[in-house]
Amino acid sequence: KGELLEFRPREFELLALLVENKGKAYTRDQILEKLWGIDYYGDIRTVDVHVRWIREKIENDPGHPVRIVTIRGIGYRFDG
């Protein structure tokens, strides 16, 4: 839409990971390992929260996303 969007560093890293691998689904565990590190000790749902924040910024309707989609039983994929 021509708007400047601001992302927190981890949001940007997550969005970049998904965009650079368009069409590839990542599990929450894979995302945590790649972005938070193998030694991350915390709630796996942190990925869901970050995805929600990104969707609120880039989706026309965050409740019905078309860019970052949820792959049931797997994780997330960027479809553009």
PDB file of N, CA and C in Angstrom:
ATOM      1  N   LYS A   1       0.811  -1.199   0.000  1.00  0.00           N
ATOM      2  CA  LYS A   1       0.000   0.000   0.000  1.00  0.00           C
ATOM      3  C   LYS A   1       0.847   1.253   0.000  1.00  0.00           C
ATOM      4  N   GLY A   2       2.141   1.118  -0.080  1.00  0.00           N
ATOM      5  CA  GLY A   2       3.018   2.274  -0.084  1.00  0.00           C
ATOM      6  C   GLY A   2       3.281   2.861   1.289  1.00  0.00           C
ATOM      7  N   GLU A   3       2.900   2.133   2.329  1.00  0.00           N
ATOM      8  CA  GLU A   3       3.110   2.606   3.694  1.00  0.00           C
ATOM      9  C   GLU A   3       4.434   2.084   4.230  1.00  0.00           C
ATOM     10  N   LEU A   4       5.058   2.892   5.074  1.00  0.00           N
ATOM     11  CA  LEU A   4       6.259   2.457   5.769  1.00  0.00           C
ATOM     12  C   LEU A   4       5.826   1.677   6.999  1.00  0.00           C
ATOM     13  N   LEU A   5       6.300   0.452   7.126  1.00  0.00           N
ATOM     14  CA  LEU A   5       5.946  -0.394   8.261  1.00  0.00           C
ATOM     15  C   LEU A   5       7.150  -0.545   9.182  1.00  0.00           C
ATOM     16  N   GLU A   6       6.875  -0.531  10.462  1.00  0.00           N
ATOM     17  CA  GLU A   6       7.938  -0.741  11.443  1.00  0.00           C
ATOM     18  C   GLU A   6       7.772  -2.122  12.065  1.00  0.00           C
ATOM     19  N   PHE A   7       8.888  -2.848  12.122  1.00  0.00           N
ATOM     20  CA  PHE A   7       8.899  -4.182  12.695  1.00  0.00           C
ATOM     21  C   PHE A   7       9.916  -4.243  13.825  1.00  0.00           C
ATOM     22  N   ARG A   8       9.583  -4.988  14.846  1.00  0.00           N
ATOM     23  CA  ARG A   8      10.569  -5.308  15.874  1.00  0.00           C
ATOM     24  C   ARG A   8      11.592  -6.238  15.218  1.00  0.00           C
ATOM     25  N   PRO A   9      12.820  -6.274  15.740  1.00  0.00           N
ATOM     26  CA  PRO A   9      13.851  -7.099  15.093  1.00  0.00           C
ATOM     27  C   PRO A   9      13.430  -8.553  14.865  1.00  0.00           C
ATOM     28  N   ARG A  10      12.837  -9.186  15.868  1.00  0.00           N
ATOM     29  CA  ARG A  10      12.464 -10.597  15.715  1.00  0.00           C
ATOM     30  C   ARG A  10      11.316 -10.753  14.716  1.00  0.00           C
ATOM     31  N   GLU A  11      10.415  -9.815  14.674  1.00  0.00           N
ATOM     32  CA  GLU A  11       9.349  -9.851  13.676  1.00  0.00           C
ATOM     33  C   GLU A  11       9.946  -9.796  12.275  1.00  0.00           C
ATOM     34  N   PHE A  12      10.885  -8.893  12.095  1.00  0.00           N
ATOM     35  CA  PHE A  12      11.517  -8.744  10.783  1.00  0.00           C
ATOM     36  C   PHE A  12      12.257 -10.019  10.391  1.00  0.00           C
ATOM     37  N   GLU A  13      12.982 -10.614  11.333  1.00  0.00           N
ATOM     38  CA  GLU A  13      13.715 -11.851  11.049  1.00  0.00           C
ATOM     39  C   GLU A  13      12.761 -12.968  10.645  1.00  0.00           C
ATOM     40  N   LEU A  14      11.634 -13.068  11.342  1.00  0.00           N
ATOM     41  CA  LEU A  14      10.655 -14.103  11.024  1.00  0.00           C
ATOM     42  C   LEU A  14      10.037 -13.866   9.651  1.00  0.00           C
ATOM     43  N   LEU A  15       9.646 -12.630   9.381  1.00  0.00           N
ATOM     44  CA  LEU A  15       9.085 -12.313   8.074  1.00  0.00           C
ATOM     45  C   LEU A  15      10.104 -12.584   6.972  1.00  0.00           C
ATOM     46  N   ALA A  16      11.346 -12.192   7.179  1.00  0.00           N
ATOM     47  CA  ALA A  16      12.397 -12.421   6.179  1.00  0.00           C
ATOM     48  C   ALA A  16      12.593 -13.912   5.929  1.00  0.00           C
ATOM     49  N   LEU A  17      12.614 -14.719   6.984  1.00  0.00           N
ATOM     50  CA  LEU A  17      12.769 -16.171   6.836  1.00  0.00           C
ATOM     51  C   LEU A  17      11.663 -16.732   5.954  1.00  0.00           C
ATOM     52  N   LEU A  18      10.438 -16.354   6.246  1.00  0.00           N
ATOM     53  CA  LEU A  18       9.311 -16.888   5.479  1.00  0.00           C
ATOM     54  C   LEU A  18       9.296 -16.374   4.038  1.00  0.00           C
ATOM     55  N   VAL A  19       9.566 -15.087   3.849  1.00  0.00           N
ATOM     56  CA  VAL A  19       9.557 -14.512   2.501  1.00  0.00           C
ATOM     57  C   VAL A  19      10.672 -15.102   1.643  1.00  0.00           C
ATOM     58  N   GLU A  20      11.851 -15.252   2.220  1.00  0.00           N
ATOM     59  CA  GLU A  20      12.988 -15.801   1.468  1.00  0.00           C
ATOM     60  C   GLU A  20      12.761 -17.257   1.080  1.00  0.00           C
ATOM     61  N   ASN A  21      11.832 -17.908   1.748  1.00  0.00           N
ATOM     62  CA  ASN A  21      11.540 -19.320   1.471  1.00  0.00           C
ATOM     63  C   ASN A  21      10.066 -19.486   1.117  1.00  0.00           C
ATOM     64  N   LYS A  22       9.593 -18.585   0.273  1.00  0.00           N
ATOM     65  CA  LYS A  22       8.186 -18.570  -0.128  1.00  0.00           C
ATOM     66  C   LYS A  22       7.725 -19.962  -0.552  1.00  0.00           C
ATOM     67  N   GLY A  23       6.578 -20.369  -0.008  1.00  0.00           N
ATOM     68  CA  GLY A  23       6.013 -21.667  -0.355  1.00  0.00           C
ATOM     69  C   GLY A  23       6.470 -22.813   0.524  1.00  0.00           C
ATOM     70  N   LYS A  24       7.487 -22.588   1.324  1.00  0.00           N
ATOM     71  CA  LYS A  24       8.001 -23.640   2.209  1.00  0.00           C
ATOM     72  C   LYS A  24       7.391 -23.463   3.595  1.00  0.00           C
ATOM     73  N   ALA A  25       6.842 -24.550   4.123  1.00  0.00           N
ATOM     74  CA  ALA A  25       6.245 -24.511   5.458  1.00  0.00           C
ATOM     75  C   ALA A  25       7.312 -24.783   6.515  1.00  0.00           C
ATOM     76  N   TYR A  26       7.234 -24.022   7.590  1.00  0.00           N
ATOM     77  CA  TYR A  26       8.135 -24.193   8.732  1.00  0.00           C
ATOM     78  C   TYR A  26       7.331 -24.545   9.970  1.00  0.00           C
ATOM     79  N   THR A  27       7.825 -25.504  10.725  1.00  0.00           N
ATOM     80  CA  THR A  27       7.196 -25.819  12.003  1.00  0.00           C
ATOM     81  C   THR A  27       7.591 -24.750  13.019  1.00  0.00           C
ATOM     82  N   ARG A  28       6.862 -24.683  14.111  1.00  0.00           N
ATOM     83  CA  ARG A  28       7.222 -23.757  15.185  1.00  0.00           C
ATOM     84  C   ARG A  28       8.619 -24.077  15.700  1.00  0.00           C
ATOM     85  N   ASP A  29       8.915 -25.364  15.847  1.00  0.00           N
ATOM     86  CA  ASP A  29      10.239 -25.762  16.337  1.00  0.00           C
ATOM     87  C   ASP A  29      11.347 -25.299  15.400  1.00  0.00           C
ATOM     88  N   GLN A  30      11.145 -25.431  14.104  1.00  0.00           N
ATOM     89  CA  GLN A  30      12.156 -24.985  13.141  1.00  0.00           C
ATOM     90  C   GLN A  30      12.368 -23.485  13.243  1.00  0.00           C
ATOM     91  N   ILE A  31      11.281 -22.746  13.366  1.00  0.00           N
ATOM     92  CA  ILE A  31      11.380 -21.288  13.481  1.00  0.00           C
ATOM     93  C   ILE A  31      12.100 -20.908  14.763  1.00  0.00           C
ATOM     94  N   LEU A  32      11.739 -21.538  15.867  1.00  0.00           N
ATOM     95  CA  LEU A  32      12.407 -21.247  17.139  1.00  0.00           C
ATOM     96  C   LEU A  32      13.901 -21.519  17.047  1.00  0.00           C
ATOM     97  N   GLU A  33      14.263 -22.651  16.465  1.00  0.00           N
ATOM     98  CA  GLU A  33      15.682 -23.002  16.365  1.00  0.00           C
ATOM     99  C   GLU A  33      16.440 -22.012  15.485  1.00  0.00           C
ATOM    100  N   LYS A  34      15.850 -21.636  14.357  1.00  0.00           N
ATOM    101  CA  LYS A  34      16.536 -20.727  13.436  1.00  0.00           C
ATOM    102  C   LYS A  34      16.659 -19.300  13.983  1.00  0.00           C
ATOM    103  N   LEU A  35      15.620 -18.822  14.662  1.00  0.00           N
ATOM    104  CA  LEU A  35      15.608 -17.421  15.080  1.00  0.00           C
ATOM    105  C   LEU A  35      15.941 -17.195  16.544  1.00  0.00           C
ATOM    106  N   TRP A  36      15.522 -18.086  17.418  1.00  0.00           N
ATOM    107  CA  TRP A  36      15.779 -17.913  18.842  1.00  0.00           C
ATOM    108  C   TRP A  36      16.978 -18.741  19.295  1.00  0.00           C
ATOM    109  N   GLY A  37      17.360 -19.730  18.502  1.00  0.00           N
ATOM    110  CA  GLY A  37      18.512 -20.557  18.825  1.00  0.00           C
ATOM    111  C   GLY A  37      18.109 -21.885  19.443  1.00  0.00           C
ATOM    112  N   ILE A  38      18.990 -22.845  19.285  1.00  0.00           N
ATOM    113  CA  ILE A  38      18.715 -24.205  19.734  1.00  0.00           C
ATOM    114  C   ILE A  38      18.531 -24.289  21.248  1.00  0.00           C
ATOM    115  N   ASP A  39      19.106 -23.365  21.977  1.00  0.00           N
ATOM    116  CA  ASP A  39      19.032 -23.386  23.445  1.00  0.00           C
ATOM    117  C   ASP A  39      17.848 -22.593  23.987  1.00  0.00           C
ATOM    118  N   TYR A  40      16.944 -22.149  23.124  1.00  0.00           N
ATOM    119  CA  TYR A  40      15.799 -21.371  23.580  1.00  0.00           C
ATOM    120  C   TYR A  40      14.971 -22.191  24.559  1.00  0.00           C
ATOM    121  N   TYR A  41      14.697 -21.587  25.684  1.00  0.00           N
ATOM    122  CA  TYR A  41      13.873 -22.245  26.697  1.00  0.00           C
ATOM    123  C   TYR A  41      12.694 -21.332  26.987  1.00  0.00           C
ATOM    124  N   GLY A  42      11.585 -21.647  26.409  1.00  0.00           N
ATOM    125  CA  GLY A  42      10.402 -20.826  26.603  1.00  0.00           C
ATOM    126  C   GLY A  42       9.217 -21.461  25.912  1.00  0.00           C
ATOM    127  N   ASP A  43       8.168 -20.700  25.807  1.00  0.00           N
ATOM    128  CA  ASP A  43       6.922 -21.192  25.234  1.00  0.00           C
ATOM    129  C   ASP A  43       6.995 -21.212  23.713  1.00  0.00           C
ATOM    130  N   ILE A  44       6.667 -22.332  23.132  1.00  0.00           N
ATOM    131  CA  ILE A  44       6.677 -22.489  21.681  1.00  0.00           C
ATOM    132  C   ILE A  44       5.645 -21.566  21.020  1.00  0.00           C
ATOM    133  N   ARG A  45       4.636 -21.145  21.776  1.00  0.00           N
ATOM    134  CA  ARG A  45       3.590 -20.288  21.242  1.00  0.00           C
ATOM    135  C   ARG A  45       4.083 -18.866  20.964  1.00  0.00           C
ATOM    136  N   THR A  46       5.293 -18.550  21.372  1.00  0.00           N
ATOM    137  CA  THR A  46       5.851 -17.230  21.060  1.00  0.00           C
ATOM    138  C   THR A  46       5.885 -17.008  19.551  1.00  0.00           C
ATOM    139  N   VAL A  47       6.054 -18.082  18.796  1.00  0.00           N
ATOM    140  CA  VAL A  47       6.036 -17.981  17.332  1.00  0.00           C
ATOM    141  C   VAL A  47       4.658 -17.504  16.869  1.00  0.00           C
ATOM    142  N   ASP A  48       3.607 -18.066  17.455  1.00  0.00           N
ATOM    143  CA  ASP A  48       2.243 -17.672  17.081  1.00  0.00           C
ATOM    144  C   ASP A  48       2.000 -16.185  17.349  1.00  0.00           C
ATOM    145  N   VAL A  49       2.500 -15.708  18.472  1.00  0.00           N
ATOM    146  CA  VAL A  49       2.334 -14.301  18.827  1.00  0.00           C
ATOM    147  C   VAL A  49       3.041 -13.410  17.816  1.00  0.00           C
ATOM    148  N   HIS A  50       4.266 -13.772  17.447  1.00  0.00           N
ATOM    149  CA  HIS A  50       5.015 -12.972  16.470  1.00  0.00           C
ATOM    150  C   HIS A  50       4.338 -13.001  15.100  1.00  0.00           C
ATOM    151  N   VAL A  51       3.810 -14.162  14.705  1.00  0.00           N
ATOM    152  CA  VAL A  51       3.092 -14.257  13.437  1.00  0.00           C
ATOM    153  C   VAL A  51       1.854 -13.357  13.480  1.00  0.00           C
ATOM    154  N   ARG A  52       1.138 -13.360  14.594  1.00  0.00           N
ATOM    155  CA  ARG A  52      -0.040 -12.503  14.722  1.00  0.00           C
ATOM    156  C   ARG A  52       0.333 -11.030  14.563  1.00  0.00           C
ATOM    157  N   TRP A  53       1.417 -10.605  15.215  1.00  0.00           N
ATOM    158  CA  TRP A  53       1.865  -9.215  15.112  1.00  0.00           C
ATOM    159  C   TRP A  53       2.203  -8.844  13.674  1.00  0.00           C
ATOM    160  N   ILE A  54       2.878  -9.765  12.964  1.00  0.00           N
ATOM    161  CA  ILE A  54       3.232  -9.509  11.559  1.00  0.00           C
ATOM    162  C   ILE A  54       1.968  -9.418  10.710  1.00  0.00           C
ATOM    163  N   ARG A  55       1.047 -10.355  10.931  1.00  0.00           N
ATOM    164  CA  ARG A  55      -0.204 -10.345  10.162  1.00  0.00           C
ATOM    165  C   ARG A  55      -0.960  -9.038  10.344  1.00  0.00           C
ATOM    166  N   GLU A  56      -0.955  -8.516  11.560  1.00  0.00           N
ATOM    167  CA  GLU A  56      -1.651  -7.262  11.823  1.00  0.00           C
ATOM    168  C   GLU A  56      -1.068  -6.117  10.998  1.00  0.00           C
ATOM    169  N   LYS A  57       0.184  -6.248  10.611  1.00  0.00           N
ATOM    170  CA  LYS A  57       0.852  -5.205   9.830  1.00  0.00           C
ATOM    171  C   LYS A  57       0.741  -5.405   8.325  1.00  0.00           C
ATOM    172  N   ILE A  58       0.716  -6.658   7.862  1.00  0.00           N
ATOM    173  CA  ILE A  58       0.818  -6.883   6.410  1.00  0.00           C
ATOM    174  C   ILE A  58      -0.431  -7.453   5.757  1.00  0.00           C
ATOM    175  N   GLU A  59      -1.345  -7.960   6.529  1.00  0.00           N
ATOM    176  CA  GLU A  59      -2.549  -8.564   5.955  1.00  0.00           C
ATOM    177  C   GLU A  59      -3.672  -7.537   5.865  1.00  0.00           C
ATOM    178  N   ASN A  60      -4.455  -7.599   4.796  1.00  0.00           N
ATOM    179  CA  ASN A  60      -5.641  -6.754   4.689  1.00  0.00           C
ATOM    180  C   ASN A  60      -6.662  -7.133   5.748  1.00  0.00           C
ATOM    181  N   ASP A  61      -6.810  -8.433   6.002  1.00  0.00           N
ATOM    182  CA  ASP A  61      -7.710  -8.954   7.026  1.00  0.00           C
ATOM    183  C   ASP A  61      -6.930  -9.982   7.839  1.00  0.00           C
ATOM    184  N   PRO A  62      -6.309  -9.563   8.946  1.00  0.00           N
ATOM    185  CA  PRO A  62      -5.483 -10.478   9.737  1.00  0.00           C
ATOM    186  C   PRO A  62      -6.216 -11.740  10.202  1.00  0.00           C
ATOM    187  N   GLY A  63      -7.537 -11.659  10.317  1.00  0.00           N
ATOM    188  CA  GLY A  63      -8.320 -12.832  10.717  1.00  0.00           C
ATOM    189  C   GLY A  63      -8.464 -13.872   9.616  1.00  0.00           C
ATOM    190  N   HIS A  64      -8.185 -13.450   8.386  1.00  0.00           N
ATOM    191  CA  HIS A  64      -8.236 -14.342   7.219  1.00  0.00           C
ATOM    192  C   HIS A  64      -6.988 -14.090   6.371  1.00  0.00           C
ATOM    193  N   PRO A  65      -5.849 -14.509   6.868  1.00  0.00           N
ATOM    194  CA  PRO A  65      -4.582 -14.202   6.190  1.00  0.00           C
ATOM    195  C   PRO A  65      -4.426 -14.917   4.854  1.00  0.00           C
ATOM    196  N   VAL A  66      -3.798 -14.215   3.921  1.00  0.00           N
ATOM    197  CA  VAL A  66      -3.483 -14.811   2.620  1.00  0.00           C
ATOM    198  C   VAL A  66      -1.979 -14.766   2.334  1.00  0.00           C
ATOM    199  N   ARG A  67      -1.242 -13.992   3.108  1.00  0.00           N
ATOM    200  CA  ARG A  67       0.207 -13.900   2.897  1.00  0.00           C
ATOM    201  C   ARG A  67       0.945 -14.914   3.771  1.00  0.00           C
ATOM    202  N   ILE A  68       0.762 -14.817   5.070  1.00  0.00           N
ATOM    203  CA  ILE A  68       1.340 -15.815   5.976  1.00  0.00           C
ATOM    204  C   ILE A  68       0.195 -16.722   6.400  1.00  0.00           C
ATOM    205  N   VAL A  69       0.223 -17.939   5.875  1.00  0.00           N
ATOM    206  CA  VAL A  69      -0.868 -18.873   6.129  1.00  0.00           C
ATOM    207  C   VAL A  69      -0.451 -19.934   7.134  1.00  0.00           C
ATOM    208  N   THR A  70      -1.434 -20.401   7.864  1.00  0.00           N
ATOM    209  CA  THR A  70      -1.223 -21.486   8.814  1.00  0.00           C
ATOM    210  C   THR A  70      -1.428 -22.800   8.081  1.00  0.00           C
ATOM    211  N   ILE A  71      -0.464 -23.682   8.208  1.00  0.00           N
ATOM    212  CA  ILE A  71      -0.585 -25.019   7.648  1.00  0.00           C
ATOM    213  C   ILE A  71      -0.915 -25.936   8.826  1.00  0.00           C
ATOM    214  N   ARG A  72      -2.161 -26.320   8.909  1.00  0.00           N
ATOM    215  CA  ARG A  72      -2.661 -27.084  10.047  1.00  0.00           C
ATOM    216  C   ARG A  72      -1.797 -28.316  10.320  1.00  0.00           C
ATOM    217  N   GLY A  73      -1.394 -28.452  11.568  1.00  0.00           N
ATOM    218  CA  GLY A  73      -0.587 -29.593  11.978  1.00  0.00           C
ATOM    219  C   GLY A  73       0.895 -29.451  11.656  1.00  0.00           C
ATOM    220  N   ILE A  74       1.269 -28.362  10.971  1.00  0.00           N
ATOM    221  CA  ILE A  74       2.674 -28.163  10.606  1.00  0.00           C
ATOM    222  C   ILE A  74       3.186 -26.853  11.170  1.00  0.00           C
ATOM    223  N   GLY A  75       2.712 -25.735  10.636  1.00  0.00           N
ATOM    224  CA  GLY A  75       3.231 -24.444  11.088  1.00  0.00           C
ATOM    225  C   GLY A  75       2.782 -23.327  10.176  1.00  0.00           C
ATOM    226  N   TYR A  76       3.756 -22.613   9.611  1.00  0.00           N
ATOM    227  CA  TYR A  76       3.461 -21.419   8.815  1.00  0.00           C
ATOM    228  C   TYR A  76       4.210 -21.425   7.487  1.00  0.00           C
ATOM    229  N   ARG A  77       3.579 -20.750   6.495  1.00  0.00           N
ATOM    230  CA  ARG A  77       4.185 -20.633   5.169  1.00  0.00           C
ATOM    231  C   ARG A  77       3.834 -19.257   4.618  1.00  0.00           C
ATOM    232  N   PHE A  78       4.772 -18.668   3.885  1.00  0.00           N
ATOM    233  CA  PHE A  78       4.498 -17.405   3.203  1.00  0.00           C
ATOM    234  C   PHE A  78       4.053 -17.709   1.779  1.00  0.00           C
ATOM    235  N   ASP A  79       2.865 -17.218   1.440  1.00  0.00           N
ATOM    236  CA  ASP A  79       2.338 -17.400   0.096  1.00  0.00           C
ATOM    237  C   ASP A  79       2.393 -16.120  -0.715  1.00  0.00           C
ATOM    238  N   GLY A  80       2.755 -15.032  -0.086  1.00  0.00           N
ATOM    239  CA  GLY A  80       2.872 -13.756  -0.803  1.00  0.00           C
ATOM    240  C   GLY A  80       1.590 -13.058  -0.800  1.00  0.00           C
TER     241      GLY A  80
END
